[in-house]
Every structure is written in structure tokens, then in C-alpha cells.
Amino acid sequence: MTACVIEPSAGHVEPSAGHEDEDVSAPSGCTLTADGAYGARLASAGGSWFPERWTLDGPEPYAVPLPRNQPEEPGTEVQPMADGRVLIHRVVAGRHAFSLLYPTGPGTGELPLGAVECPDGAARLRLLPPAPGGERAYALAVGPRATSVWLVAGGAFGPERLAELPGRCSGGVWLDRSGRLLALDRETGGHTKSVVVDLEAGGEVSPLLQIAAESDDRLLLADHDSGLLIVRSDAPSPGQDRLGWGVLGSSLPVRFPECLRVRDCSVTPFAIQPGQVLTPESCAVALRVDGPTGSWVGVWRPAERRVHHLRAPEGWLAGAGLWTPEGVLRLPYATEAVPCGVAQVSPPPAAAPEPGAATAPLPDREPAAPAAEHSVQPADPSARPAEPSARPAEPPAAPSAARPVPLQEAPLGRLVTN
């Protein structure tokens, strides 16, 4: 069994038990490209829905509406591409149709890409999170007994099925910069475990996250620079999901900080600070906190024993945001006065690690497969939201598609704890 450590927080208050939604990939108010240059959302006006592209890499953000001849259905999915076009996913007569939208002066151009027809009428198909590079887009078709990964934009001949896995899959996290290794949470035998799908090796599947035999283990976020992983599992508290963290390639156990349990609230991580190559424990993680009084932003670092609670900007497209390497959190928002805005939030700087605080060693990125392990530090969940204060380093050379070692097989030795 993989080791897991429960860390007490400073001033911890026991939260009430609760479960978050299993599929954390539910669409947020705005989808951002991996580099944050573009965003896309389904906007509404006068009761009608239409796609809208946001340009975010200039001096001022601005939105471009991309309406077609008729309003879109509320469940229509949109995703920005690296070249500024917007991928749209519609369901038409039981088929999943994909097109690229782009502005053409006063109108909107549309390039049809093709359609996917799921043989099983009960299958659900949704877009996966934007891939690194932004030149391709992928979708996940989930049936009663199997799941398929589709390339729906960026291919040579329209939608193409790349892999089929037995079992029902959810989630979707990219593990490398090339968009080759995709982590999915697969349900088989009554339990959910994260697996890795190699999209350039015929959809080869291998285990990734296996904390305990009877636990449900899901991967929520992964950072390519530091190797920091954010997971959700009920291993430390059977029947109750907990947020934990680790580092791909470390030999420390998975850690589950008590500070990430906020009373009467659900906590969903949505962004990790990039650029912290040698210090994964100092990466800032942005959290969406939903409670009885609304939603706000939390910021947590593995090396600290508390969560900083920050008031979200008015009109925040909840769950959307992106870190800069310098530690500034960019949150898109839309109000009647500012229909396209980005708030720059600077959380409190990282505190010096407390004596005895666990830190993660530099991930092993040598050939073969790096071991996937984790380590963490807690925080204080009792604080209420406070007012926020107002170049990416040269990316390291991408490893040659090293296969992550599943946590269950990692070399933990004497580190195993109960």
C-alpha cells in the first residue's frame, strides 16, 4: 500500500463531512488556453446564447462575440485554440458536431471539422481540458462499459479515435508539454484509479495513482515544471474525499493537509503556479471555495500550514484563472460595466517553512519512469475571504515521454504509515 500522511493544520477546526462532485472537469464559466493567451465562453444576451472569444495576452483584455445565424443551446461547449479560433461542440440530431469559429469582419466564419456518432445512445461526450500547445483539441466519450479518447481538432482528416479503455473514465489532466500523456480517472471493479494514456503509442494504458486497494484515487491537477500533483482520495478517511498533494518522482508519501478541509464548504483546485522547477512545495495553488455565502478564492502552498482566503472579483467566472510564474493570479470576470476583465490578484508571499515541515525532494527526471510520489504541508481553513492586493522561465527540455510509475509501486520502503 502506498503511504499516506494526514497533516494537522495550525488552528484546525474539524469540518463537516462532504463529497465533491466526482467529475471536476465540469465546464467553468470560461475556458483558457494552456498559456492563458485566449479564453472562450458561452455568453448570453436577451435570453440567447452565443460563443465569445477573449483575448488576454495584450495590454487590455477584450471580447469578440462569435454568433451564428441561430442561438446556441445552453449545453454547447466552446474551447479556445492557440491561433485565436474557437472550437465549438454541438449535439445535432444525436451526433456530436465540431467546428472552428473565427471573426470575419462584422460576421462569424465557421469551418466544419466533422462529427462523432456514439453507437451507444447512453454514451456522453465532452471536451477534455485544453492541450499544451493549443493546436489540437480532444474529447472523451464515456459509455456504460468503455471510454474513448477522440482527437476532434488539429488532425488531418476530421475527428479520429485515438484510444479506447475498458471502464468509465472521468477527469482529464495533461502530464507533459507535448500533449502525449493524458491522465484519466477510470472506474473499474467498483473503485476509481488514475491511469495514464499514451496517445502516441496506440492508447497504451498504465496505472498512475493507486494509494490503497479499496480507495478511490483521482488526479485533479499536474504542473509540468515542478511535478506537483494535486489529488483527491478517500484513502485517509474511507468514504470521505480528501485533497492531497505529491511530486512526480519523489519518494515521500502522499500527504493530506487538514487545512484543505473547510467547514461546510467544497474546495476545488483550479490552477498551479508554474515555473517553480526546483521547489514544488513553494508552488501556489488556487482553490475555488464554495460555501453557504457564495464562492471565493483560496490560495495554498504545500510548504505552509494555512489557506489564504481572498475575496473574488465581482462577476468572477468561477473556477477560471491562471497563475503567472511570478505568483500573480489572473481571474477573468464579466460585469455589466466591464464585460471583459481580468483581475490581478497578488496573494500573501510564501512564508518560511515551519520547523519540521516536510518538503519534497527534486523529482527524478532521469530516463526510465520517474516514481510518482508526494509530500505536503497544512493550513488554516477558518479565515474568511479578505480583500486581494492588487516570463515564464525558459521551459526545461521535455523528457522523452517517461512513463510515470504508479504510486502503489513507488519505492517508499520504510516511509509507509497508517
Protein backbone atom coordinates (compact mmCIF):
# COMPACT_ATOMS: atom_id res chain seq x y z
CA MET A 1 0.00 0.00 0.00
CA THR A 2 1.21 3.49 -0.82
CA ALA A 3 1.98 5.62 2.20
CA CYS A 4 -0.31 8.47 3.06
CA VAL A 5 0.20 11.08 5.76
CA ILE A 6 -2.50 13.24 7.35
CA GLU A 7 -1.10 16.57 8.42
CA PRO A 8 -2.69 18.66 11.21
CA SER A 9 -3.19 22.29 10.41
CA ALA A 10 -2.50 25.30 12.56
CA GLY A 11 -5.69 26.08 14.43
CA HIS A 12 -7.52 23.24 12.72
CA VAL A 13 -11.28 23.08 13.06
CA GLU A 14 -12.85 19.76 12.11
CA PRO A 15 -15.05 20.28 9.05
CA SER A 16 -18.26 18.52 8.36
CA ALA A 17 -18.08 15.56 6.06
CA GLY A 18 -18.92 16.15 2.46
CA HIS A 19 -18.32 14.93 -1.03
CA GLU A 20 -17.41 16.98 -4.02
CA ASP A 21 -18.67 16.15 -7.49
CA GLU A 22 -16.76 13.25 -8.94
CA ASP A 23 -16.07 14.91 -12.28
CA VAL A 24 -14.00 18.01 -11.57
CA SER A 25 -13.81 18.73 -15.26
CA ALA A 26 -17.32 20.22 -15.31
CA PRO A 27 -17.16 23.30 -17.58
CA SER A 28 -16.25 26.54 -15.80
CA GLY A 29 -17.55 29.95 -16.81
CA CYS A 30 -14.57 30.47 -19.11
CA THR A 31 -12.07 28.05 -20.64
CA LEU A 32 -8.49 29.30 -21.04
CA THR A 33 -5.73 28.07 -23.32
CA ALA A 34 -2.81 26.45 -21.51
CA ASP A 35 -0.71 29.61 -21.95
CA GLY A 36 -3.55 31.96 -20.98
CA ALA A 37 -3.47 33.89 -24.26
CA TYR A 38 -7.11 33.23 -25.15
CA GLY A 39 -10.33 32.35 -23.41
CA ALA A 40 -13.74 31.26 -24.64
CA ARG A 41 -17.16 31.07 -23.05
CA LEU A 42 -20.82 30.77 -23.89
CA ALA A 43 -22.27 34.22 -23.25
CA SER A 44 -25.91 35.28 -23.22
CA ALA A 45 -27.83 38.35 -24.33
CA GLY A 46 -31.59 38.73 -24.35
CA GLY A 47 -32.03 35.08 -23.44
CA SER A 48 -29.91 33.85 -26.38
CA TRP A 49 -26.56 32.06 -26.08
CA PHE A 50 -23.57 32.70 -28.33
CA PRO A 51 -19.81 31.90 -28.26
CA GLU A 52 -17.44 34.64 -27.17
CA ARG A 53 -13.66 34.75 -27.54
CA TRP A 54 -11.50 36.60 -25.05
CA THR A 55 -8.04 37.88 -25.98
CA LEU A 56 -5.96 38.05 -22.80
CA ASP A 57 -2.31 38.47 -23.86
CA GLY A 58 -2.48 42.13 -24.89
CA PRO A 59 -2.33 45.38 -22.92
CA GLU A 60 -6.08 45.18 -22.22
CA PRO A 61 -8.36 42.14 -22.43
CA TYR A 62 -11.19 42.32 -24.95
CA ALA A 63 -14.01 40.06 -26.08
CA VAL A 64 -15.18 39.23 -29.60
CA PRO A 65 -18.70 37.79 -29.93
CA LEU A 66 -18.98 34.93 -32.43
CA PRO A 67 -22.72 34.47 -33.01
CA ARG A 68 -24.08 32.36 -35.85
CA ASN A 69 -27.46 32.51 -37.54
CA GLN A 70 -29.28 30.97 -34.59
CA PRO A 71 -28.69 30.88 -30.82
CA GLU A 72 -26.69 28.05 -29.32
CA GLU A 73 -28.09 25.52 -26.88
CA PRO A 74 -27.13 26.17 -23.22
CA GLY A 75 -25.09 22.93 -23.04
CA THR A 76 -22.92 23.78 -26.05
CA GLU A 77 -19.18 23.54 -25.31
CA VAL A 78 -16.54 26.01 -26.54
CA GLN A 79 -12.76 25.92 -26.27
CA PRO A 80 -10.16 28.46 -27.45
CA MET A 81 -7.35 27.39 -29.76
CA ALA A 82 -3.81 28.80 -29.88
CA ASP A 83 -4.44 30.61 -33.18
CA GLY A 84 -7.42 32.54 -31.82
CA ARG A 85 -10.15 30.41 -33.34
CA VAL A 86 -12.78 28.85 -31.08
CA LEU A 87 -13.74 25.18 -31.20
CA ILE A 88 -17.46 24.59 -30.72
CA HIS A 89 -19.11 21.28 -29.84
CA ARG A 90 -22.80 20.95 -30.64
CA VAL A 91 -25.17 17.99 -30.43
CA VAL A 92 -27.15 17.81 -33.67
CA ALA A 93 -29.66 15.01 -34.25
CA GLY A 94 -27.84 12.73 -31.85
CA ARG A 95 -24.41 13.39 -33.43
CA HIS A 96 -21.59 15.40 -31.86
CA ALA A 97 -20.57 18.05 -34.41
CA PHE A 98 -17.36 20.08 -34.18
CA SER A 99 -16.47 23.34 -35.93
CA LEU A 100 -13.96 26.17 -35.66
CA LEU A 101 -15.36 29.69 -35.35
CA TYR A 102 -13.46 32.85 -36.22
CA PRO A 103 -14.30 36.54 -36.73
CA THR A 104 -14.75 37.76 -40.32
CA GLY A 105 -15.27 41.49 -40.11
CA PRO A 106 -18.85 42.03 -38.98
CA GLY A 107 -19.74 38.33 -39.09
CA THR A 108 -18.53 34.94 -37.91
CA GLY A 109 -16.88 32.32 -40.10
CA GLU A 110 -17.28 28.62 -39.42
CA LEU A 111 -15.08 25.71 -40.52
CA PRO A 112 -16.83 22.34 -40.01
CA LEU A 113 -14.46 19.63 -38.77
CA GLY A 114 -16.77 16.64 -38.80
CA ALA A 115 -18.89 14.76 -36.31
CA VAL A 116 -18.70 11.83 -33.90
CA GLU A 117 -21.61 9.44 -33.59
CA CYS A 118 -21.60 7.33 -30.44
CA PRO A 119 -23.02 3.87 -31.22
CA ASP A 120 -24.31 3.58 -27.68
CA GLY A 121 -27.07 6.12 -27.18
CA ALA A 122 -26.22 6.29 -23.48
CA ALA A 123 -22.66 7.49 -24.12
CA ARG A 124 -21.71 11.02 -23.06
CA LEU A 125 -19.11 13.04 -24.97
CA ARG A 126 -17.36 16.15 -23.65
CA LEU A 127 -14.28 18.18 -24.47
CA LEU A 128 -11.12 17.50 -22.49
CA PRO A 129 -9.19 20.45 -20.96
CA PRO A 130 -7.13 22.45 -23.49
CA ALA A 131 -4.00 20.55 -24.51
CA PRO A 132 -0.50 22.02 -24.20
CA GLY A 133 0.37 23.99 -27.33
CA GLY A 134 -3.26 24.68 -28.16
CA GLU A 135 -3.04 23.32 -31.71
CA ARG A 136 -5.12 20.22 -31.02
CA ALA A 137 -8.29 19.52 -29.06
CA TYR A 138 -9.55 16.25 -27.64
CA ALA A 139 -12.83 14.82 -26.39
CA LEU A 140 -13.81 11.97 -24.09
CA ALA A 141 -16.72 9.67 -24.98
CA VAL A 142 -17.91 7.74 -21.92
CA GLY A 143 -20.14 4.69 -22.41
CA PRO A 144 -21.54 2.16 -19.93
CA ARG A 145 -18.55 -0.19 -20.26
CA ALA A 146 -15.82 1.65 -22.20
CA THR A 147 -14.37 5.12 -22.77
CA SER A 148 -12.87 6.53 -25.98
CA VAL A 149 -10.44 9.41 -26.47
CA TRP A 150 -11.02 11.39 -29.67
CA LEU A 151 -8.87 13.94 -31.50
CA VAL A 152 -11.52 16.42 -32.67
CA ALA A 153 -9.43 19.37 -33.88
CA GLY A 154 -5.93 19.56 -35.34
CA GLY A 155 -5.99 16.22 -37.12
CA ALA A 156 -5.59 15.61 -40.85
CA PHE A 157 -8.96 14.02 -41.64
CA GLY A 158 -11.53 15.19 -39.13
CA PRO A 159 -12.32 13.54 -35.79
CA GLU A 160 -10.16 10.49 -35.08
CA ARG A 161 -10.49 7.94 -32.28
CA LEU A 162 -7.08 7.55 -30.63
CA ALA A 163 -7.76 5.17 -27.76
CA GLU A 164 -10.41 3.03 -26.14
CA LEU A 165 -10.27 1.99 -22.50
CA PRO A 166 -12.42 -0.53 -20.67
CA GLY A 167 -14.38 1.11 -17.85
CA ARG A 168 -15.92 4.53 -17.34
CA CYS A 169 -13.46 7.45 -17.21
CA SER A 170 -13.72 10.99 -15.91
CA GLY A 171 -11.29 13.84 -15.26
CA GLY A 172 -8.50 14.59 -17.71
CA VAL A 173 -5.07 16.04 -16.84
CA TRP A 174 -2.14 16.55 -19.22
CA LEU A 175 1.14 15.24 -17.80
CA ASP A 176 3.66 16.57 -20.34
CA ARG A 177 4.23 19.57 -22.59
CA SER A 178 3.75 17.68 -25.85
CA GLY A 179 0.19 16.55 -25.17
CA ARG A 180 1.15 12.90 -25.37
CA LEU A 181 0.44 11.62 -21.85
CA LEU A 182 -3.13 12.05 -20.59
CA ALA A 183 -4.22 11.07 -17.07
CA LEU A 184 -7.80 9.85 -16.66
CA ASP A 185 -9.72 8.61 -13.62
CA ARG A 186 -11.04 5.15 -14.52
CA GLU A 187 -13.80 3.35 -12.64
CA THR A 188 -13.47 -0.43 -12.71
CA GLY A 189 -14.40 -3.06 -10.16
CA GLY A 190 -16.27 -0.56 -8.02
CA HIS A 191 -13.25 1.73 -7.44
CA THR A 192 -11.71 4.67 -9.27
CA LYS A 193 -7.96 4.88 -10.01
CA SER A 194 -5.98 7.31 -12.16
CA VAL A 195 -4.33 5.84 -15.23
CA VAL A 196 -2.06 7.25 -17.95
CA VAL A 197 -3.00 7.01 -21.62
CA ASP A 198 -0.17 7.35 -24.16
CA LEU A 199 -1.83 8.92 -27.18
CA GLU A 200 1.20 8.33 -29.41
CA ALA A 201 1.52 4.64 -28.57
CA GLY A 202 -1.85 3.43 -29.72
CA GLY A 203 -3.57 4.44 -26.49
CA GLU A 204 -1.36 2.30 -24.24
CA VAL A 205 -2.70 2.44 -20.68
CA SER A 206 -0.68 2.16 -17.45
CA PRO A 207 -1.51 2.79 -13.75
CA LEU A 208 -0.70 6.15 -12.18
CA LEU A 209 -2.44 6.69 -8.85
CA GLN A 210 -3.16 3.71 -6.56
CA ILE A 211 -2.98 4.76 -2.92
CA ALA A 212 -4.86 1.83 -1.40
CA ALA A 213 -6.61 -1.20 -2.83
CA GLU A 214 -10.08 -0.09 -1.71
CA SER A 215 -9.70 3.67 -2.12
CA ASP A 216 -10.98 5.98 -4.87
CA ASP A 217 -7.98 7.97 -6.12
CA ARG A 218 -8.25 10.80 -8.64
CA LEU A 219 -5.73 13.21 -10.14
CA LEU A 220 -7.01 16.80 -10.27
CA LEU A 221 -4.05 18.94 -11.40
CA ALA A 222 -0.43 18.47 -12.51
CA ASP A 223 2.30 21.06 -13.05
CA HIS A 224 4.85 20.34 -15.79
CA ASP A 225 7.64 22.44 -14.26
CA SER A 226 7.73 21.23 -10.67
CA GLY A 227 5.99 17.87 -10.98
CA LEU A 228 3.49 18.91 -8.29
CA LEU A 229 0.35 16.76 -8.32
CA ILE A 230 -2.95 17.57 -6.62
CA VAL A 231 -5.06 14.51 -5.89
CA ARG A 232 -8.37 13.62 -4.29
CA SER A 233 -8.76 10.34 -2.43
CA ASP A 234 -10.72 8.71 0.36
CA ALA A 235 -7.70 6.62 1.42
CA PRO A 236 -7.06 8.55 4.69
CA SER A 237 -10.79 8.74 5.56
CA PRO A 238 -12.79 5.94 3.93
CA GLY A 239 -15.99 7.31 2.47
CA GLN A 240 -14.82 10.93 2.67
CA ASP A 241 -12.85 12.53 -0.15
CA ARG A 242 -9.72 14.45 0.88
CA LEU A 243 -7.42 16.72 -1.09
CA GLY A 244 -3.76 15.69 -1.10
CA TRP A 245 -0.55 16.50 -2.88
CA GLY A 246 2.65 14.92 -4.08
CA VAL A 247 5.51 15.28 -6.54
CA LEU A 248 6.05 13.12 -9.58
CA GLY A 249 9.36 11.35 -8.97
CA SER A 250 9.55 11.90 -5.21
CA SER A 251 9.85 9.10 -2.65
CA LEU A 252 7.78 10.83 0.04
CA PRO A 253 4.26 9.61 0.86
CA VAL A 254 1.06 11.24 -0.32
CA ARG A 255 0.05 13.92 2.17
CA PHE A 256 -3.45 15.16 3.04
CA PRO A 257 -3.35 18.55 4.82
CA GLU A 258 -6.16 19.15 7.30
CA CYS A 259 -6.19 22.81 6.22
CA LEU A 260 -7.75 21.87 2.89
CA ARG A 261 -10.89 20.73 4.69
CA VAL A 262 -13.06 23.84 5.07
CA ARG A 263 -16.16 23.50 7.20
CA ASP A 264 -19.45 23.43 5.26
CA CYS A 265 -17.63 24.24 2.02
CA SER A 266 -16.47 22.41 -1.08
CA VAL A 267 -12.90 23.11 -2.19
CA THR A 268 -11.84 22.64 -5.82
CA PRO A 269 -8.27 23.38 -7.01
CA PHE A 270 -8.13 25.01 -10.45
CA ALA A 271 -4.60 26.32 -11.10
CA ILE A 272 -0.97 25.70 -10.05
CA GLN A 273 1.75 28.35 -10.23
CA PRO A 274 4.26 27.38 -12.97
CA GLY A 275 7.98 27.99 -13.14
CA GLN A 276 8.96 26.55 -9.72
CA VAL A 277 11.23 23.87 -11.17
CA LEU A 278 13.30 23.07 -8.07
CA THR A 279 10.75 23.86 -5.36
CA PRO A 280 7.38 22.16 -5.88
CA GLU A 281 6.49 22.76 -2.22
CA SER A 282 6.52 26.54 -2.88
CA CYS A 283 4.05 26.41 -5.79
CA ALA A 284 0.91 28.40 -5.10
CA VAL A 285 -2.32 26.50 -5.76
CA ALA A 286 -5.54 28.41 -6.48
CA LEU A 287 -8.70 26.99 -4.93
CA ARG A 288 -12.34 27.68 -5.63
CA VAL A 289 -14.20 27.62 -2.30
CA ASP A 290 -17.99 27.29 -2.46
CA GLY A 291 -19.87 27.88 0.78
CA PRO A 292 -23.26 28.95 2.10
CA THR A 293 -22.43 32.62 1.48
CA GLY A 294 -21.11 32.22 -2.06
CA SER A 295 -17.80 31.49 -3.78
CA TRP A 296 -14.36 32.91 -3.14
CA VAL A 297 -10.71 32.18 -3.87
CA GLY A 298 -8.30 30.29 -1.67
CA VAL A 299 -4.52 30.17 -2.11
CA TRP A 300 -2.47 27.39 -0.56
CA ARG A 301 1.15 26.28 -0.78
CA PRO A 302 2.36 22.82 0.27
CA ALA A 303 5.09 24.36 2.44
CA GLU A 304 2.59 26.35 4.52
CA ARG A 305 0.11 25.36 7.20
CA ARG A 306 -2.79 27.56 6.12
CA VAL A 307 -5.05 28.62 3.28
CA HIS A 308 -5.25 32.31 2.40
CA HIS A 309 -8.88 33.25 1.71
CA LEU A 310 -9.32 36.07 -0.82
CA ARG A 311 -12.44 37.83 -2.00
CA ALA A 312 -13.17 37.03 -5.64
CA PRO A 313 -13.70 39.95 -8.04
CA GLU A 314 -17.32 40.83 -8.79
CA GLY A 315 -18.51 38.81 -11.77
CA TRP A 316 -15.73 36.22 -11.48
CA LEU A 317 -16.23 33.39 -13.95
CA ALA A 318 -15.92 30.97 -11.06
CA GLY A 319 -13.34 28.23 -11.44
CA ALA A 320 -11.40 30.04 -14.20
CA GLY A 321 -7.96 31.53 -13.65
CA LEU A 322 -4.25 31.26 -14.37
CA TRP A 323 -1.03 31.89 -12.46
CA THR A 324 1.96 33.79 -13.78
CA PRO A 325 5.40 32.35 -12.86
CA GLU A 326 5.88 35.43 -10.63
CA GLY A 327 2.93 34.39 -8.44
CA VAL A 328 0.15 36.69 -9.69
CA LEU A 329 -3.25 35.05 -10.07
CA ARG A 330 -5.25 36.26 -13.08
CA LEU A 331 -9.02 35.85 -12.68
CA PRO A 332 -11.38 36.59 -15.61
CA TYR A 333 -14.62 38.37 -14.73
CA ALA A 334 -17.58 39.92 -16.53
CA THR A 335 -19.98 42.56 -15.21
CA GLU A 336 -22.42 44.95 -16.85
CA ALA A 337 -19.88 47.76 -16.53
CA VAL A 338 -16.87 45.62 -17.54
CA PRO A 339 -17.99 42.84 -19.91
CA CYS A 340 -14.44 41.50 -20.29
CA GLY A 341 -11.97 41.96 -17.44
CA VAL A 342 -9.08 40.22 -15.73
CA ALA A 343 -8.35 40.85 -12.06
CA GLN A 344 -4.71 40.61 -10.97
CA VAL A 345 -4.59 39.07 -7.50
CA SER A 346 -1.35 39.01 -5.51
CA PRO A 347 -1.73 36.68 -2.51
CA PRO A 348 0.49 37.00 0.56
CA PRO A 349 4.07 35.88 -0.19
CA ALA A 350 5.21 32.43 0.79
CA ALA A 351 6.17 32.13 4.44
CA ALA A 352 9.38 30.49 5.57
CA PRO A 353 8.83 26.74 6.12
CA GLU A 354 7.98 25.91 9.72
CA PRO A 355 10.41 23.73 11.66
CA GLY A 356 9.75 20.11 10.90
CA ALA A 357 7.70 20.90 7.81
CA ALA A 358 8.07 18.25 5.16
CA THR A 359 9.38 19.27 1.80
CA ALA A 360 9.60 17.36 -1.41
CA PRO A 361 12.91 16.44 -2.99
CA LEU A 362 13.64 17.36 -6.56
CA PRO A 363 11.75 14.96 -8.83
CA ASP A 364 13.82 12.32 -10.54
CA ARG A 365 13.56 13.08 -14.25
CA GLU A 366 16.23 10.71 -15.49
CA PRO A 367 15.44 8.10 -18.17
CA ALA A 368 13.07 5.25 -17.44
CA ALA A 369 9.99 6.01 -15.41
CA PRO A 370 10.05 8.59 -12.63
CA ALA A 371 8.38 7.43 -9.44
CA ALA A 372 5.18 9.29 -8.62
CA GLU A 373 5.10 10.36 -5.01
CA HIS A 374 4.06 13.30 -2.88
CA SER A 375 4.57 15.39 0.24
CA VAL A 376 2.58 18.23 1.81
CA GLN A 377 2.06 20.90 4.48
CA PRO A 378 -1.19 22.08 6.11
CA ALA A 379 -3.08 25.39 6.61
CA ASP A 380 -5.81 27.30 8.49
CA PRO A 381 -9.31 26.95 6.99
CA SER A 382 -11.17 29.20 9.43
CA ALA A 383 -10.29 32.57 7.90
CA ARG A 384 -12.93 34.44 5.89
CA PRO A 385 -12.17 35.93 2.48
CA ALA A 386 -10.01 39.05 2.61
CA GLU A 387 -9.52 41.79 0.04
CA PRO A 388 -6.93 40.80 -2.58
CA SER A 389 -3.95 43.02 -3.27
CA ALA A 390 -3.52 44.04 -6.47
CA ARG A 391 8.38 35.38 -18.18
CA PRO A 392 7.76 32.20 -17.73
CA ALA A 393 11.17 30.82 -17.14
CA GLU A 394 12.66 29.04 -20.10
CA PRO A 395 10.79 25.73 -20.10
CA PRO A 396 13.06 22.82 -19.30
CA ALA A 397 13.71 20.31 -22.02
CA ALA A 398 10.77 17.94 -22.18
CA PRO A 399 11.58 14.42 -21.02
CA SER A 400 11.31 11.73 -23.66
CA ALA A 401 7.79 10.63 -22.66
CA ALA A 402 8.93 8.89 -19.49
CA ARG A 403 6.22 6.62 -18.12
CA PRO A 404 5.11 7.66 -14.61
CA VAL A 405 5.46 4.87 -12.07
CA PRO A 406 2.16 4.23 -10.27
CA LEU A 407 2.21 5.38 -6.67
CA GLN A 408 1.45 1.88 -5.48
CA GLU A 409 4.75 0.72 -6.94
CA ALA A 410 6.86 3.67 -5.84
CA PRO A 411 9.94 2.95 -3.69
CA LEU A 412 8.51 4.03 -0.34
CA GLY A 413 10.20 1.43 1.82
CA ARG A 414 10.06 2.41 5.49
CA LEU A 415 8.01 5.51 4.72
CA VAL A 416 4.75 3.58 4.78
CA THR A 417 2.48 4.88 7.54
CA ASN A 418 -1.11 4.33 8.61
